[in-house]
PDB file of N, CA and C in Angstrom:
ATOM      1  N   MET A   1       1.499 -13.329  20.144  1.00  0.00           N
ATOM      2  CA  MET A   1       0.511 -12.376  19.669  1.00  0.00           C
ATOM      3  C   MET A   1       1.147 -11.517  18.577  1.00  0.00           C
ATOM      4  N   ASN A   2       0.436 -11.349  17.462  1.00  0.00           N
ATOM      5  CA  ASN A   2       0.926 -10.518  16.368  1.00  0.00           C
ATOM      6  C   ASN A   2       0.664  -9.053  16.656  1.00  0.00           C
ATOM      7  N   ARG A   3       1.693  -8.254  16.473  1.00  0.00           N
ATOM      8  CA  ARG A   3       1.589  -6.815  16.673  1.00  0.00           C
ATOM      9  C   ARG A   3       1.235  -6.156  15.356  1.00  0.00           C
ATOM     10  N   MET A   4       0.287  -5.243  15.373  1.00  0.00           N
ATOM     11  CA  MET A   4      -0.024  -4.503  14.163  1.00  0.00           C
ATOM     12  C   MET A   4       1.022  -3.418  13.982  1.00  0.00           C
ATOM     13  N   GLN A   5       1.560  -3.344  12.778  1.00  0.00           N
ATOM     14  CA  GLN A   5       2.579  -2.356  12.454  1.00  0.00           C
ATOM     15  C   GLN A   5       2.029  -1.425  11.380  1.00  0.00           C
ATOM     16  N   VAL A   6       2.148  -0.132  11.604  1.00  0.00           N
ATOM     17  CA  VAL A   6       1.727   0.860  10.623  1.00  0.00           C
ATOM     18  C   VAL A   6       2.938   1.265   9.800  1.00  0.00           C
ATOM     19  N   LEU A   7       2.772   1.232   8.483  1.00  0.00           N
ATOM     20  CA  LEU A   7       3.823   1.675   7.574  1.00  0.00           C
ATOM     21  C   LEU A   7       3.472   3.054   7.044  1.00  0.00           C
ATOM     22  N   ARG A   8       4.439   3.935   7.042  1.00  0.00           N
ATOM     23  CA  ARG A   8       4.268   5.253   6.434  1.00  0.00           C
ATOM     24  C   ARG A   8       4.694   5.156   4.969  1.00  0.00           C
ATOM     25  N   MET A   9       4.479   6.216   4.216  1.00  0.00           N
ATOM     26  CA  MET A   9       4.744   6.201   2.778  1.00  0.00           C
ATOM     27  C   MET A   9       6.162   5.721   2.452  1.00  0.00           C
ATOM     28  N   ASN A  10       7.165   6.250   3.128  1.00  0.00           N
ATOM     29  CA  ASN A  10       8.543   5.843   2.821  1.00  0.00           C
ATOM     30  C   ASN A  10       8.772   4.355   3.087  1.00  0.00           C
ATOM     31  N   ASP A  11       8.086   3.806   4.085  1.00  0.00           N
ATOM     32  CA  ASP A  11       8.183   2.370   4.366  1.00  0.00           C
ATOM     33  C   ASP A  11       7.577   1.557   3.223  1.00  0.00           C
ATOM     34  N   VAL A  12       6.422   2.007   2.727  1.00  0.00           N
ATOM     35  CA  VAL A  12       5.737   1.307   1.630  1.00  0.00           C
ATOM     36  C   VAL A  12       6.578   1.394   0.358  1.00  0.00           C
ATOM     37  N   ILE A  13       7.148   2.563   0.100  1.00  0.00           N
ATOM     38  CA  ILE A  13       8.036   2.731  -1.056  1.00  0.00           C
ATOM     39  C   ILE A  13       9.180   1.720  -0.985  1.00  0.00           C
ATOM     40  N   GLY A  14       9.808   1.615   0.173  1.00  0.00           N
ATOM     41  CA  GLY A  14      10.919   0.684   0.343  1.00  0.00           C
ATOM     42  C   GLY A  14      10.508  -0.766   0.224  1.00  0.00           C
ATOM     43  N   LYS A  15       9.361  -1.093   0.767  1.00  0.00           N
ATOM     44  CA  LYS A  15       8.902  -2.486   0.771  1.00  0.00           C
ATOM     45  C   LYS A  15       8.490  -2.947  -0.628  1.00  0.00           C
ATOM     46  N   LEU A  16       7.832  -2.059  -1.390  1.00  0.00           N
ATOM     47  CA  LEU A  16       7.304  -2.444  -2.696  1.00  0.00           C
ATOM     48  C   LEU A  16       8.220  -2.077  -3.857  1.00  0.00           C
ATOM     49  N   GLY A  17       9.143  -1.160  -3.637  1.00  0.00           N
ATOM     50  CA  GLY A  17       9.997  -0.713  -4.734  1.00  0.00           C
ATOM     51  C   GLY A  17       9.255   0.125  -5.753  1.00  0.00           C
ATOM     52  N   MET A  18       8.179   0.761  -5.322  1.00  0.00           N
ATOM     53  CA  MET A  18       7.394   1.648  -6.187  1.00  0.00           C
ATOM     54  C   MET A  18       7.699   3.093  -5.817  1.00  0.00           C
ATOM     55  N   SER A  19       7.453   3.981  -6.759  1.00  0.00           N
ATOM     56  CA  SER A  19       7.629   5.398  -6.466  1.00  0.00           C
ATOM     57  C   SER A  19       6.405   5.923  -5.718  1.00  0.00           C
ATOM     58  N   ARG A  20       6.581   7.051  -5.089  1.00  0.00           N
ATOM     59  CA  ARG A  20       5.494   7.724  -4.379  1.00  0.00           C
ATOM     60  C   ARG A  20       4.326   8.004  -5.329  1.00  0.00           C
ATOM     61  N   SER A  21       4.630   8.511  -6.529  1.00  0.00           N
ATOM     62  CA  SER A  21       3.562   8.849  -7.472  1.00  0.00           C
ATOM     63  C   SER A  21       2.813   7.604  -7.934  1.00  0.00           C
ATOM     64  N   THR A  22       3.511   6.488  -8.115  1.00  0.00           N
ATOM     65  CA  THR A  22       2.844   5.250  -8.513  1.00  0.00           C
ATOM     66  C   THR A  22       1.897   4.772  -7.420  1.00  0.00           C
ATOM     67  N   ILE A  23       2.325   4.864  -6.178  1.00  0.00           N
ATOM     68  CA  ILE A  23       1.460   4.452  -5.068  1.00  0.00           C
ATOM     69  C   ILE A  23       0.212   5.324  -5.026  1.00  0.00           C
ATOM     70  N   TYR A  24       0.385   6.639  -5.164  1.00  0.00           N
ATOM     71  CA  TYR A  24      -0.782   7.523  -5.175  1.00  0.00           C
ATOM     72  C   TYR A  24      -1.700   7.216  -6.354  1.00  0.00           C
ATOM     73  N   GLU A  25      -1.133   6.868  -7.505  1.00  0.00           N
ATOM     74  CA  GLU A  25      -1.968   6.512  -8.653  1.00  0.00           C
ATOM     75  C   GLU A  25      -2.728   5.213  -8.403  1.00  0.00           C
ATOM     76  N   ARG A  26      -2.106   4.268  -7.720  1.00  0.00           N
ATOM     77  CA  ARG A  26      -2.770   2.991  -7.421  1.00  0.00           C
ATOM     78  C   ARG A  26      -3.988   3.170  -6.516  1.00  0.00           C
ATOM     79  N   ILE A  27      -3.984   4.215  -5.675  1.00  0.00           N
ATOM     80  CA  ILE A  27      -5.105   4.416  -4.742  1.00  0.00           C
ATOM     81  C   ILE A  27      -6.093   5.475  -5.225  1.00  0.00           C
ATOM     82  N   ASN A  28      -5.853   6.045  -6.410  1.00  0.00           N
ATOM     83  CA  ASN A  28      -6.716   7.101  -6.943  1.00  0.00           C
ATOM     84  C   ASN A  28      -7.644   6.528  -8.013  1.00  0.00           C
ATOM     85  N   PRO A  29      -8.946   6.432  -7.730  1.00  0.00           N
ATOM     86  CA  PRO A  29      -9.879   5.853  -8.705  1.00  0.00           C
ATOM     87  C   PRO A  29      -9.925   6.598 -10.038  1.00  0.00           C
ATOM     88  N   ALA A  30      -9.504   7.854 -10.082  1.00  0.00           N
ATOM     89  CA  ALA A  30      -9.514   8.625 -11.323  1.00  0.00           C
ATOM     90  C   ALA A  30      -8.285   8.344 -12.195  1.00  0.00           C
ATOM     91  N   SER A  31      -7.325   7.600 -11.676  1.00  0.00           N
ATOM     92  CA  SER A  31      -6.080   7.329 -12.400  1.00  0.00           C
ATOM     93  C   SER A  31      -6.215   6.105 -13.301  1.00  0.00           C
ATOM     94  N   LYS A  32      -5.490   6.122 -14.416  1.00  0.00           N
ATOM     95  CA  LYS A  32      -5.449   4.952 -15.298  1.00  0.00           C
ATOM     96  C   LYS A  32      -4.738   3.782 -14.619  1.00  0.00           C
ATOM     97  N   ARG A  33      -3.892   4.074 -13.651  1.00  0.00           N
ATOM     98  CA  ARG A  33      -3.135   3.034 -12.941  1.00  0.00           C
ATOM     99  C   ARG A  33      -3.826   2.580 -11.653  1.00  0.00           C
ATOM    100  N   TYR A  34      -5.060   3.001 -11.449  1.00  0.00           N
ATOM    101  CA  TYR A  34      -5.805   2.626 -10.239  1.00  0.00           C
ATOM    102  C   TYR A  34      -5.868   1.110 -10.111  1.00  0.00           C
ATOM    103  N   ASP A  35      -5.661   0.636  -8.902  1.00  0.00           N
ATOM    104  CA  ASP A  35      -5.736  -0.795  -8.603  1.00  0.00           C
ATOM    105  C   ASP A  35      -6.659  -0.969  -7.401  1.00  0.00           C
ATOM    106  N   ALA A  36      -7.860  -1.449  -7.666  1.00  0.00           N
ATOM    107  CA  ALA A  36      -8.856  -1.605  -6.600  1.00  0.00           C
ATOM    108  C   ALA A  36      -8.402  -2.593  -5.527  1.00  0.00           C
ATOM    109  N   THR A  37      -7.436  -3.444  -5.852  1.00  0.00           N
ATOM    110  CA  THR A  37      -6.950  -4.412  -4.867  1.00  0.00           C
ATOM    111  C   THR A  37      -5.845  -3.850  -3.982  1.00  0.00           C
ATOM    112  N   PHE A  38      -5.302  -2.698  -4.345  1.00  0.00           N
ATOM    113  CA  PHE A  38      -4.207  -2.115  -3.561  1.00  0.00           C
ATOM    114  C   PHE A  38      -4.754  -1.665  -2.211  1.00  0.00           C
ATOM    115  N   PRO A  39      -4.045  -1.962  -1.136  1.00  0.00           N
ATOM    116  CA  PRO A  39      -4.538  -1.590   0.200  1.00  0.00           C
ATOM    117  C   PRO A  39      -4.799  -0.086   0.329  1.00  0.00           C
ATOM    118  N   LYS A  40      -5.893   0.231   0.969  1.00  0.00           N
ATOM    119  CA  LYS A  40      -6.261   1.631   1.186  1.00  0.00           C
ATOM    120  C   LYS A  40      -5.536   2.160   2.418  1.00  0.00           C
ATOM    121  N   PRO A  41      -4.975   3.350   2.308  1.00  0.00           N
ATOM    122  CA  PRO A  41      -4.350   3.950   3.486  1.00  0.00           C
ATOM    123  C   PRO A  41      -5.418   4.500   4.424  1.00  0.00           C
ATOM    124  N   PHE A  42      -5.034   4.779   5.642  1.00  0.00           N
ATOM    125  CA  PHE A  42      -5.945   5.427   6.582  1.00  0.00           C
ATOM    126  C   PHE A  42      -5.239   6.626   7.191  1.00  0.00           C
ATOM    127  N   LYS A  43      -6.035   7.569   7.659  1.00  0.00           N
ATOM    128  CA  LYS A  43      -5.488   8.805   8.216  1.00  0.00           C
ATOM    129  C   LYS A  43      -4.928   8.561   9.611  1.00  0.00           C
ATOM    130  N   LEU A  44      -3.745   9.120   9.824  1.00  0.00           N
ATOM    131  CA  LEU A  44      -3.104   9.056  11.133  1.00  0.00           C
ATOM    132  C   LEU A  44      -3.186  10.398  11.842  1.00  0.00           C
ATOM    133  N   GLY A  45      -3.452  11.424  11.094  1.00  0.00           N
ATOM    134  CA  GLY A  45      -3.516  12.785  11.621  1.00  0.00           C
ATOM    135  C   GLY A  45      -4.114  13.684  10.562  1.00  0.00           C
ATOM    136  N   LEU A  46      -3.819  14.961  10.636  1.00  0.00           N
ATOM    137  CA  LEU A  46      -4.390  15.903   9.679  1.00  0.00           C
ATOM    138  C   LEU A  46      -3.981  15.594   8.244  1.00  0.00           C
ATOM    139  N   SER A  47      -2.717  15.302   8.025  1.00  0.00           N
ATOM    140  CA  SER A  47      -2.273  15.014   6.661  1.00  0.00           C
ATOM    141  C   SER A  47      -1.509  13.698   6.546  1.00  0.00           C
ATOM    142  N   ALA A  48      -1.192  13.076   7.651  1.00  0.00           N
ATOM    143  CA  ALA A  48      -0.423  11.828   7.628  1.00  0.00           C
ATOM    144  C   ALA A  48      -1.324  10.635   7.325  1.00  0.00           C
ATOM    145  N   ILE A  49      -0.809   9.736   6.483  1.00  0.00           N
ATOM    146  CA  ILE A  49      -1.524   8.498   6.191  1.00  0.00           C
ATOM    147  C   ILE A  49      -0.596   7.317   6.453  1.00  0.00           C
ATOM    148  N   GLY A  50      -1.195   6.153   6.626  1.00  0.00           N
ATOM    149  CA  GLY A  50      -0.418   4.943   6.847  1.00  0.00           C
ATOM    150  C   GLY A  50      -1.178   3.733   6.351  1.00  0.00           C
ATOM    151  N   TRP A  51      -0.471   2.636   6.249  1.00  0.00           N
ATOM    152  CA  TRP A  51      -1.034   1.359   5.844  1.00  0.00           C
ATOM    153  C   TRP A  51      -0.683   0.326   6.894  1.00  0.00           C
ATOM    154  N   LEU A  52      -1.542  -0.645   7.090  1.00  0.00           N
ATOM    155  CA  LEU A  52      -1.182  -1.765   7.951  1.00  0.00           C
ATOM    156  C   LEU A  52      -0.213  -2.657   7.179  1.00  0.00           C
ATOM    157  N   GLU A  53       0.885  -3.014   7.822  1.00  0.00           N
ATOM    158  CA  GLU A  53       1.896  -3.837   7.158  1.00  0.00           C
ATOM    159  C   GLU A  53       1.300  -5.158   6.683  1.00  0.00           C
ATOM    160  N   GLN A  54       0.392  -5.737   7.459  1.00  0.00           N
ATOM    161  CA  GLN A  54      -0.213  -7.010   7.060  1.00  0.00           C
ATOM    162  C   GLN A  54      -1.025  -6.862   5.773  1.00  0.00           C
ATOM    163  N   ASP A  55      -1.641  -5.699   5.547  1.00  0.00           N
ATOM    164  CA  ASP A  55      -2.388  -5.466   4.308  1.00  0.00           C
ATOM    165  C   ASP A  55      -1.445  -5.369   3.110  1.00  0.00           C
ATOM    166  N   ILE A  56      -0.330  -4.657   3.288  1.00  0.00           N
ATOM    167  CA  ILE A  56       0.666  -4.545   2.218  1.00  0.00           C
ATOM    168  C   ILE A  56       1.256  -5.921   1.914  1.00  0.00           C
ATOM    169  N   ASP A  57       1.583  -6.680   2.952  1.00  0.00           N
ATOM    170  CA  ASP A  57       2.146  -8.022   2.763  1.00  0.00           C
ATOM    171  C   ASP A  57       1.170  -8.946   2.038  1.00  0.00           C
ATOM    172  N   ALA A  58      -0.113  -8.882   2.400  1.00  0.00           N
ATOM    173  CA  ALA A  58      -1.125  -9.732   1.764  1.00  0.00           C
ATOM    174  C   ALA A  58      -1.290  -9.366   0.288  1.00  0.00           C
ATOM    175  N   TRP A  59      -1.277  -8.071  -0.020  1.00  0.00           N
ATOM    176  CA  TRP A  59      -1.390  -7.621  -1.411  1.00  0.00           C
ATOM    177  C   TRP A  59      -0.190  -8.118  -2.215  1.00  0.00           C
ATOM    178  N   LEU A  60       0.998  -7.972  -1.649  1.00  0.00           N
ATOM    179  CA  LEU A  60       2.223  -8.398  -2.316  1.00  0.00           C
ATOM    180  C   LEU A  60       2.213  -9.909  -2.550  1.00  0.00           C
ATOM    181  N   LYS A  61       1.765 -10.675  -1.567  1.00  0.00           N
ATOM    182  CA  LYS A  61       1.688 -12.135  -1.708  1.00  0.00           C
ATOM    183  C   LYS A  61       0.691 -12.522  -2.797  1.00  0.00           C
ATOM    184  N   ALA A  62      -0.460 -11.848  -2.840  1.00  0.00           N
ATOM    185  CA  ALA A  62      -1.463 -12.137  -3.869  1.00  0.00           C
ATOM    186  C   ALA A  62      -0.905 -11.853  -5.262  1.00  0.00           C
ATOM    187  N   LYS A  63      -0.157 -10.769  -5.398  1.00  0.00           N
ATOM    188  CA  LYS A  63       0.463 -10.447  -6.692  1.00  0.00           C
ATOM    189  C   LYS A  63       1.472 -11.528  -7.079  1.00  0.00           C
ATOM    190  N   ALA A  64       2.280 -11.959  -6.125  1.00  0.00           N
ATOM    191  CA  ALA A  64       3.282 -12.991  -6.393  1.00  0.00           C
ATOM    192  C   ALA A  64       2.612 -14.325  -6.740  1.00  0.00           C
ATOM    193  N   ASP A  65       1.530 -14.658  -6.045  1.00  0.00           N
ATOM    194  CA  ASP A  65       0.820 -15.915  -6.298  1.00  0.00           C
ATOM    195  C   ASP A  65       0.198 -15.937  -7.691  1.00  0.00           C
ATOM    196  N   ASN A  66      -0.193 -14.770  -8.212  1.00  0.00           N
ATOM    197  CA  ASN A  66      -0.822 -14.692  -9.529  1.00  0.00           C
ATOM    198  C   ASN A  66       0.189 -14.702 -10.670  1.00  0.00           C
ATOM    199  N   CYS A  67       1.460 -14.623 -10.350  1.00  0.00           N
ATOM    200  CA  CYS A  67       2.499 -14.611 -11.392  1.00  0.00           C
ATOM    201  C   CYS A  67       2.797 -16.003 -11.928  1.00  0.00           C
ATOM    202  N   GLY A  68       2.559 -17.007 -11.131  1.00  0.00           N
ATOM    203  CA  GLY A  68       2.971 -18.354 -11.511  1.00  0.00           C
ATOM    204  C   GLY A  68       1.877 -19.151 -12.067  1.00  0.00           C
TER     205      GLY A  68
END
């Protein structure tokens, strides 16, 4: 059985090699760097957000598949 893993911002930064500000720009529709395909975070608490690791992995795989 696959376990769902929640990644926090620092985990996503490490996994993708992107800066915090770049990640926030990717999820902000008002930004020039907005990417509608980038996984949307969800609230874990009052101010904490997280991403499902499988969503980040799928996005990364799709980006890699489009490079070749």
